[in-house]
Amino acid sequence: MARKPTDPGIKISDDPKQTGVNNDPKTDTPVSRDPVEEKKQGRKRRRTDEKKEIISVTMSQPLVQRIDELVKARAGRSRAQLIEDAVRWFLDLSVHKWSDRGIYVNSCRVALESETLSSLFFSKLTPTEQYELGVTAGSQAPVADAVTLLHGRNPRDESSRALVLGLLQDNGWGAISYHDDLIVFSSPFYPAPFIKGYLESLLRINLDVVETSVKENAAFRIMKKGSKGAGTT
């Protein structure tokens, strides 16, 4: 006899398929499943337990139509996946803290500006000034607090570099790849001298700018301690 459910939100079924027991079709007596099958089912149940199913979400028809258009355009695999992504970004970007007074992400006020405006600002600075500005910004980087407080790690540890770069990518710095001692920014939002100073200050490392054949890329090589880079540009 199945136990009575202690949680009204949990349903315990007498269905053999759900109780983990097969009945012999001749004797109608319980027969244990094959151990290999049990192991497979166990893995399946663990994977299922990782997410909690939401039965339904009520939305306006125009919003549903827009979601379906995105699915059709392959921006997402399904309605559910797009909704889950939207909720995750809502939390990651602290959208619940946004107000008329400003946009806040991880307790930091941010402003949305065009890449053209940013380029105009940096064009008034020499490469050396861009680098020095990056050093100052890196010493006060909010991402360092995010790594420390939210992830419990030291942003200056080598093991944290991938995490730091991933957070910068999530915040619009560009598509960032990190392999061995090479860091590459594809379509970076900031100029290379600024990024170099920022990363050197934030991660406590020395970087050398690597020339690339693609103008839209900025590449840096992590120098070993005691070695000197090729400058700020």
C-alpha atoms as a PDB file:
ATOM      1  CA  MET A   1       0.000   0.000   0.000  1.00  0.00           C
ATOM      2  CA  ALA A   2       1.382   3.379  -0.944  1.00  0.00           C
ATOM      3  CA  ARG A   3       2.000   5.913   1.827  1.00  0.00           C
ATOM      4  CA  LYS A   4      -0.308   8.873   2.044  1.00  0.00           C
ATOM      5  CA  PRO A   5       1.268  12.013   0.664  1.00  0.00           C
ATOM      6  CA  THR A   6       2.526  14.421   3.325  1.00  0.00           C
ATOM      7  CA  ASP A   7       2.714  17.292   0.853  1.00  0.00           C
ATOM      8  CA  PRO A   8      -0.444  18.134  -1.098  1.00  0.00           C
ATOM      9  CA  GLY A   9       1.757  19.164  -3.992  1.00  0.00           C
ATOM     10  CA  ILE A  10       3.297  15.692  -4.283  1.00  0.00           C
ATOM     11  CA  LYS A  11       1.338  12.810  -5.757  1.00  0.00           C
ATOM     12  CA  ILE A  12       2.261   9.265  -4.851  1.00  0.00           C
ATOM     13  CA  SER A  13       0.902   6.763  -7.356  1.00  0.00           C
ATOM     14  CA  ASP A  14       0.161   3.053  -7.160  1.00  0.00           C
ATOM     15  CA  ASP A  15       1.060   2.718 -10.844  1.00  0.00           C
ATOM     16  CA  PRO A  16       3.823   0.066 -11.098  1.00  0.00           C
ATOM     17  CA  LYS A  17       5.620   2.210 -13.624  1.00  0.00           C
ATOM     18  CA  GLN A  18       5.938   4.947 -11.005  1.00  0.00           C
ATOM     19  CA  THR A  19       6.543   2.847  -7.886  1.00  0.00           C
ATOM     20  CA  GLY A  20       9.558   1.127  -9.398  1.00  0.00           C
ATOM     21  CA  VAL A  21       8.033  -2.382  -9.408  1.00  0.00           C
ATOM     22  CA  ASN A  22       6.868  -4.506 -12.348  1.00  0.00           C
ATOM     23  CA  ASN A  23       4.052  -7.025 -11.955  1.00  0.00           C
ATOM     24  CA  ASP A  24       4.325 -10.508 -13.407  1.00  0.00           C
ATOM     25  CA  PRO A  25       1.507 -10.700 -16.011  1.00  0.00           C
ATOM     26  CA  LYS A  26       0.751 -14.339 -15.029  1.00  0.00           C
ATOM     27  CA  THR A  27       0.801 -14.146 -11.218  1.00  0.00           C
ATOM     28  CA  ASP A  28       0.256 -10.388 -10.788  1.00  0.00           C
ATOM     29  CA  THR A  29       3.004 -10.395  -8.154  1.00  0.00           C
ATOM     30  CA  PRO A  30       5.612  -7.670  -7.847  1.00  0.00           C
ATOM     31  CA  VAL A  31       8.871  -8.392  -9.595  1.00  0.00           C
ATOM     32  CA  SER A  32      11.935  -6.214  -9.100  1.00  0.00           C
ATOM     33  CA  ARG A  33      13.370  -4.475 -12.134  1.00  0.00           C
ATOM     34  CA  ASP A  34      16.678  -5.374 -13.650  1.00  0.00           C
ATOM     35  CA  PRO A  35      19.551  -3.635 -11.731  1.00  0.00           C
ATOM     36  CA  VAL A  36      20.840  -2.031 -14.922  1.00  0.00           C
ATOM     37  CA  GLU A  37      17.374  -0.660 -15.679  1.00  0.00           C
ATOM     38  CA  GLU A  38      17.079   0.601 -12.099  1.00  0.00           C
ATOM     39  CA  LYS A  39      20.392   2.430 -12.482  1.00  0.00           C
ATOM     40  CA  LYS A  40      19.226   4.051 -15.710  1.00  0.00           C
ATOM     41  CA  GLN A  41      15.954   5.108 -14.118  1.00  0.00           C
ATOM     42  CA  GLY A  42      17.859   6.506 -11.137  1.00  0.00           C
ATOM     43  CA  ARG A  43      19.969   8.687 -13.403  1.00  0.00           C
ATOM     44  CA  LYS A  44      16.839   9.828 -15.211  1.00  0.00           C
ATOM     45  CA  ARG A  45      15.139  10.750 -11.936  1.00  0.00           C
ATOM     46  CA  ARG A  46      18.202  12.721 -10.780  1.00  0.00           C
ATOM     47  CA  ARG A  47      18.236  14.665 -14.034  1.00  0.00           C
ATOM     48  CA  THR A  48      14.523  15.384 -13.639  1.00  0.00           C
ATOM     49  CA  ASP A  49      14.996  16.560 -10.053  1.00  0.00           C
ATOM     50  CA  GLU A  50      17.382  19.277 -11.190  1.00  0.00           C
ATOM     51  CA  LYS A  51      14.450  21.371 -12.449  1.00  0.00           C
ATOM     52  CA  LYS A  52      11.002  22.032 -11.050  1.00  0.00           C
ATOM     53  CA  GLU A  53       8.171  21.942 -13.559  1.00  0.00           C
ATOM     54  CA  ILE A  54       5.830  24.925 -13.724  1.00  0.00           C
ATOM     55  CA  ILE A  55       2.417  23.853 -14.974  1.00  0.00           C
ATOM     56  CA  SER A  56       1.324  27.011 -16.786  1.00  0.00           C
ATOM     57  CA  VAL A  57       2.098  30.680 -17.294  1.00  0.00           C
ATOM     58  CA  THR A  58      -0.551  33.208 -18.293  1.00  0.00           C
ATOM     59  CA  MET A  59       0.628  35.851 -20.785  1.00  0.00           C
ATOM     60  CA  SER A  60      -0.907  38.349 -23.150  1.00  0.00           C
ATOM     61  CA  GLN A  61      -1.482  37.130 -26.685  1.00  0.00           C
ATOM     62  CA  PRO A  62       0.970  39.638 -28.276  1.00  0.00           C
ATOM     63  CA  LEU A  63       3.715  38.431 -25.917  1.00  0.00           C
ATOM     64  CA  VAL A  64       2.997  34.787 -26.732  1.00  0.00           C
ATOM     65  CA  GLN A  65       3.051  35.625 -30.423  1.00  0.00           C
ATOM     66  CA  ARG A  66       6.431  37.325 -30.045  1.00  0.00           C
ATOM     67  CA  ILE A  67       7.831  34.297 -28.196  1.00  0.00           C
ATOM     68  CA  ASP A  68       6.586  31.984 -30.941  1.00  0.00           C
ATOM     69  CA  GLU A  69       8.255  34.190 -33.551  1.00  0.00           C
ATOM     70  CA  LEU A  70      11.566  33.891 -31.693  1.00  0.00           C
ATOM     71  CA  VAL A  71      11.210  30.113 -31.488  1.00  0.00           C
ATOM     72  CA  LYS A  72      10.453  29.990 -35.197  1.00  0.00           C
ATOM     73  CA  ALA A  73      13.559  32.103 -35.850  1.00  0.00           C
ATOM     74  CA  ARG A  74      15.508  29.584 -33.716  1.00  0.00           C
ATOM     75  CA  ALA A  75      16.398  32.156 -31.083  1.00  0.00           C
ATOM     76  CA  GLY A  76      15.335  29.482 -28.626  1.00  0.00           C
ATOM     77  CA  ARG A  77      14.436  25.797 -28.673  1.00  0.00           C
ATOM     78  CA  SER A  78      10.982  26.273 -27.188  1.00  0.00           C
ATOM     79  CA  ARG A  79       8.657  28.588 -25.319  1.00  0.00           C
ATOM     80  CA  ALA A  80       9.792  27.089 -22.026  1.00  0.00           C
ATOM     81  CA  GLN A  81      13.466  27.654 -22.795  1.00  0.00           C
ATOM     82  CA  LEU A  82      12.904  31.297 -23.749  1.00  0.00           C
ATOM     83  CA  ILE A  83      10.871  31.945 -20.611  1.00  0.00           C
ATOM     84  CA  GLU A  84      13.532  30.312 -18.437  1.00  0.00           C
ATOM     85  CA  ASP A  85      16.255  32.389 -20.108  1.00  0.00           C
ATOM     86  CA  ALA A  86      14.208  35.549 -19.566  1.00  0.00           C
ATOM     87  CA  VAL A  87      13.804  34.824 -15.853  1.00  0.00           C
ATOM     88  CA  ARG A  88      17.513  34.062 -15.485  1.00  0.00           C
ATOM     89  CA  TRP A  89      18.515  37.337 -17.160  1.00  0.00           C
ATOM     90  CA  PHE A  90      15.915  39.160 -15.048  1.00  0.00           C
ATOM     91  CA  LEU A  91      17.690  37.930 -11.921  1.00  0.00           C
ATOM     92  CA  ASP A  92      21.271  38.192 -13.191  1.00  0.00           C
ATOM     93  CA  LEU A  93      20.765  41.810 -14.292  1.00  0.00           C
ATOM     94  CA  SER A  94      18.805  42.741 -11.148  1.00  0.00           C
ATOM     95  CA  VAL A  95      15.899  44.013 -13.255  1.00  0.00           C
ATOM     96  CA  HIS A  96      13.714  44.065 -10.121  1.00  0.00           C
ATOM     97  CA  LYS A  97      15.900  46.950  -8.868  1.00  0.00           C
ATOM     98  CA  TRP A  98      15.473  49.078 -11.983  1.00  0.00           C
ATOM     99  CA  SER A  99      13.541  52.307 -11.516  1.00  0.00           C
ATOM    100  CA  ASP A 100      13.100  55.800 -12.941  1.00  0.00           C
ATOM    101  CA  ARG A 101      16.201  56.843 -11.000  1.00  0.00           C
ATOM    102  CA  GLY A 102      18.446  54.453 -12.880  1.00  0.00           C
ATOM    103  CA  ILE A 103      19.366  50.926 -13.897  1.00  0.00           C
ATOM    104  CA  TYR A 104      21.144  48.849 -11.267  1.00  0.00           C
ATOM    105  CA  VAL A 105      23.079  45.644 -11.901  1.00  0.00           C
ATOM    106  CA  ASN A 106      24.593  43.873  -8.890  1.00  0.00           C
ATOM    107  CA  SER A 107      24.079  47.015  -6.765  1.00  0.00           C
ATOM    108  CA  CYS A 108      25.955  49.169  -9.290  1.00  0.00           C
ATOM    109  CA  ARG A 109      24.227  51.906 -11.250  1.00  0.00           C
ATOM    110  CA  VAL A 110      24.821  51.517 -14.980  1.00  0.00           C
ATOM    111  CA  ALA A 111      23.972  53.548 -18.055  1.00  0.00           C
ATOM    112  CA  LEU A 112      23.261  52.289 -21.551  1.00  0.00           C
ATOM    113  CA  GLU A 113      25.296  54.121 -24.166  1.00  0.00           C
ATOM    114  CA  SER A 114      26.131  53.550 -27.795  1.00  0.00           C
ATOM    115  CA  GLU A 115      29.471  52.161 -28.896  1.00  0.00           C
ATOM    116  CA  THR A 116      29.890  55.316 -30.994  1.00  0.00           C
ATOM    117  CA  LEU A 117      29.709  57.516 -27.900  1.00  0.00           C
ATOM    118  CA  SER A 118      32.225  55.332 -26.070  1.00  0.00           C
ATOM    119  CA  SER A 119      34.607  55.420 -29.054  1.00  0.00           C
ATOM    120  CA  LEU A 120      34.302  59.212 -29.209  1.00  0.00           C
ATOM    121  CA  PHE A 121      35.294  59.477 -25.559  1.00  0.00           C
ATOM    122  CA  PHE A 122      38.332  57.208 -25.873  1.00  0.00           C
ATOM    123  CA  SER A 123      39.442  58.885 -29.111  1.00  0.00           C
ATOM    124  CA  LYS A 124      40.251  61.987 -27.055  1.00  0.00           C
ATOM    125  CA  LEU A 125      42.732  60.001 -24.966  1.00  0.00           C
ATOM    126  CA  THR A 126      46.184  58.807 -25.934  1.00  0.00           C
ATOM    127  CA  PRO A 127      46.887  55.042 -25.704  1.00  0.00           C
ATOM    128  CA  THR A 128      48.845  55.693 -22.499  1.00  0.00           C
ATOM    129  CA  GLU A 129      45.935  57.605 -20.990  1.00  0.00           C
ATOM    130  CA  GLN A 130      43.562  54.825 -22.011  1.00  0.00           C
ATOM    131  CA  TYR A 131      45.806  52.305 -20.291  1.00  0.00           C
ATOM    132  CA  GLU A 132      46.044  54.375 -17.097  1.00  0.00           C
ATOM    133  CA  LEU A 133      42.275  54.807 -17.059  1.00  0.00           C
ATOM    134  CA  GLY A 134      41.938  51.040 -17.355  1.00  0.00           C
ATOM    135  CA  VAL A 135      44.283  50.513 -14.402  1.00  0.00           C
ATOM    136  CA  THR A 136      42.162  52.837 -12.276  1.00  0.00           C
ATOM    137  CA  ALA A 137      38.922  51.179 -13.375  1.00  0.00           C
ATOM    138  CA  GLY A 138      40.311  47.698 -12.751  1.00  0.00           C
ATOM    139  CA  SER A 139      41.300  48.591  -9.190  1.00  0.00           C
ATOM    140  CA  GLN A 140      37.661  49.508  -8.475  1.00  0.00           C
ATOM    141  CA  ALA A 141      35.991  46.835 -10.621  1.00  0.00           C
ATOM    142  CA  PRO A 142      32.526  45.757  -9.400  1.00  0.00           C
ATOM    143  CA  VAL A 143      33.147  42.330 -10.956  1.00  0.00           C
ATOM    144  CA  ALA A 144      35.729  41.698  -8.226  1.00  0.00           C
ATOM    145  CA  ASP A 145      33.019  42.051  -5.575  1.00  0.00           C
ATOM    146  CA  ALA A 146      30.705  39.796  -7.575  1.00  0.00           C
ATOM    147  CA  VAL A 147      33.344  37.062  -7.704  1.00  0.00           C
ATOM    148  CA  THR A 148      34.112  37.417  -3.991  1.00  0.00           C
ATOM    149  CA  LEU A 149      30.620  37.845  -2.560  1.00  0.00           C
ATOM    150  CA  LEU A 150      28.496  35.773  -4.927  1.00  0.00           C
ATOM    151  CA  HIS A 151      30.951  33.011  -5.819  1.00  0.00           C
ATOM    152  CA  GLY A 152      33.173  32.982  -2.712  1.00  0.00           C
ATOM    153  CA  ARG A 153      36.384  33.121  -4.734  1.00  0.00           C
ATOM    154  CA  ASN A 154      39.391  35.401  -5.051  1.00  0.00           C
ATOM    155  CA  PRO A 155      39.311  37.207  -8.425  1.00  0.00           C
ATOM    156  CA  ARG A 156      43.112  37.339  -8.457  1.00  0.00           C
ATOM    157  CA  ASP A 157      43.519  33.562  -8.253  1.00  0.00           C
ATOM    158  CA  GLU A 158      44.468  31.915 -11.523  1.00  0.00           C
ATOM    159  CA  SER A 159      41.610  29.455 -11.062  1.00  0.00           C
ATOM    160  CA  SER A 160      39.142  32.383 -11.078  1.00  0.00           C
ATOM    161  CA  ARG A 161      40.240  33.921 -14.380  1.00  0.00           C
ATOM    162  CA  ALA A 162      37.739  32.041 -16.510  1.00  0.00           C
ATOM    163  CA  LEU A 163      34.944  33.108 -14.144  1.00  0.00           C
ATOM    164  CA  VAL A 164      36.019  36.769 -14.233  1.00  0.00           C
ATOM    165  CA  LEU A 165      36.263  36.802 -18.024  1.00  0.00           C
ATOM    166  CA  GLY A 166      32.900  35.066 -18.300  1.00  0.00           C
ATOM    167  CA  LEU A 167      31.275  37.767 -16.172  1.00  0.00           C
ATOM    168  CA  LEU A 168      32.853  40.497 -18.293  1.00  0.00           C
ATOM    169  CA  GLN A 169      31.493  38.802 -21.402  1.00  0.00           C
ATOM    170  CA  ASP A 170      28.026  38.629 -19.835  1.00  0.00           C
ATOM    171  CA  ASN A 171      28.256  42.376 -19.180  1.00  0.00           C
ATOM    172  CA  GLY A 172      28.913  43.223 -22.817  1.00  0.00           C
ATOM    173  CA  TRP A 173      32.695  43.541 -23.024  1.00  0.00           C
ATOM    174  CA  GLY A 174      32.754  41.294 -26.098  1.00  0.00           C
ATOM    175  CA  ALA A 175      33.067  37.613 -26.932  1.00  0.00           C
ATOM    176  CA  ILE A 176      35.995  36.456 -24.794  1.00  0.00           C
ATOM    177  CA  SER A 177      38.062  33.293 -25.208  1.00  0.00           C
ATOM    178  CA  TYR A 178      40.723  32.174 -22.745  1.00  0.00           C
ATOM    179  CA  HIS A 179      43.139  29.351 -23.510  1.00  0.00           C
ATOM    180  CA  ASP A 180      46.454  28.700 -21.773  1.00  0.00           C
ATOM    181  CA  ASP A 181      48.085  32.136 -21.559  1.00  0.00           C
ATOM    182  CA  LEU A 182      46.121  33.816 -24.358  1.00  0.00           C
ATOM    183  CA  ILE A 183      43.056  36.041 -23.872  1.00  0.00           C
ATOM    184  CA  VAL A 184      41.157  37.160 -26.980  1.00  0.00           C
ATOM    185  CA  PHE A 185      38.333  39.713 -27.132  1.00  0.00           C
ATOM    186  CA  SER A 186      36.189  39.554 -30.273  1.00  0.00           C
ATOM    187  CA  SER A 187      34.350  42.810 -31.040  1.00  0.00           C
ATOM    188  CA  PRO A 188      35.496  44.429 -27.768  1.00  0.00           C
ATOM    189  CA  PHE A 189      33.493  47.372 -26.462  1.00  0.00           C
ATOM    190  CA  TYR A 190      36.623  49.096 -25.134  1.00  0.00           C
ATOM    191  CA  PRO A 191      39.986  49.783 -26.827  1.00  0.00           C
ATOM    192  CA  ALA A 192      42.877  47.374 -26.247  1.00  0.00           C
ATOM    193  CA  PRO A 193      44.994  49.711 -24.032  1.00  0.00           C
ATOM    194  CA  PHE A 194      42.073  50.216 -21.647  1.00  0.00           C
ATOM    195  CA  ILE A 195      41.341  46.472 -21.474  1.00  0.00           C
ATOM    196  CA  LYS A 196      45.018  45.727 -20.855  1.00  0.00           C
ATOM    197  CA  GLY A 197      45.204  48.136 -17.927  1.00  0.00           C
ATOM    198  CA  TYR A 198      41.897  46.934 -16.543  1.00  0.00           C
ATOM    199  CA  LEU A 199      42.836  43.253 -16.563  1.00  0.00           C
ATOM    200  CA  GLU A 200      46.334  43.857 -15.223  1.00  0.00           C
ATOM    201  CA  SER A 201      44.923  45.787 -12.283  1.00  0.00           C
ATOM    202  CA  LEU A 202      41.986  43.464 -11.642  1.00  0.00           C
ATOM    203  CA  LEU A 203      43.810  40.140 -11.994  1.00  0.00           C
ATOM    204  CA  ARG A 204      47.256  41.304 -10.827  1.00  0.00           C
ATOM    205  CA  ILE A 205      48.963  40.026 -13.969  1.00  0.00           C
ATOM    206  CA  ASN A 206      51.206  41.410 -16.708  1.00  0.00           C
ATOM    207  CA  LEU A 207      49.895  41.337 -20.266  1.00  0.00           C
ATOM    208  CA  ASP A 208      51.491  41.774 -23.652  1.00  0.00           C
ATOM    209  CA  VAL A 209      49.334  42.986 -26.547  1.00  0.00           C
ATOM    210  CA  VAL A 210      49.346  40.461 -29.401  1.00  0.00           C
ATOM    211  CA  GLU A 211      48.924  41.753 -32.942  1.00  0.00           C
ATOM    212  CA  THR A 212      45.931  40.320 -34.805  1.00  0.00           C
ATOM    213  CA  SER A 213      45.044  40.301 -38.484  1.00  0.00           C
ATOM    214  CA  VAL A 214      41.401  41.049 -37.660  1.00  0.00           C
ATOM    215  CA  LYS A 215      40.843  44.631 -36.584  1.00  0.00           C
ATOM    216  CA  GLU A 216      37.801  43.700 -34.487  1.00  0.00           C
ATOM    217  CA  ASN A 217      39.905  41.470 -32.213  1.00  0.00           C
ATOM    218  CA  ALA A 218      42.048  42.408 -29.231  1.00  0.00           C
ATOM    219  CA  ALA A 219      44.443  39.732 -27.973  1.00  0.00           C
ATOM    220  CA  PHE A 220      46.667  39.615 -24.908  1.00  0.00           C
ATOM    221  CA  ARG A 221      49.262  37.137 -23.697  1.00  0.00           C
ATOM    222  CA  ILE A 222      49.791  36.611 -19.989  1.00  0.00           C
ATOM    223  CA  MET A 223      53.462  37.200 -19.234  1.00  0.00           C
ATOM    224  CA  LYS A 224      55.383  35.169 -16.723  1.00  0.00           C
ATOM    225  CA  LYS A 225      56.517  36.967 -13.601  1.00  0.00           C
ATOM    226  CA  GLY A 226      59.674  38.933 -14.197  1.00  0.00           C
ATOM    227  CA  SER A 227      59.124  39.307 -17.945  1.00  0.00           C
ATOM    228  CA  LYS A 228      58.254  42.625 -19.558  1.00  0.00           C
ATOM    229  CA  GLY A 229      55.496  43.264 -22.069  1.00  0.00           C
ATOM    230  CA  ALA A 230      55.670  45.299 -25.223  1.00  0.00           C
ATOM    231  CA  GLY A 231      54.072  48.402 -23.752  1.00  0.00           C
ATOM    232  CA  THR A 232      50.563  49.749 -23.412  1.00  0.00           C
ATOM    233  CA  THR A 233      49.428  49.572 -27.048  1.00  0.00           C
END
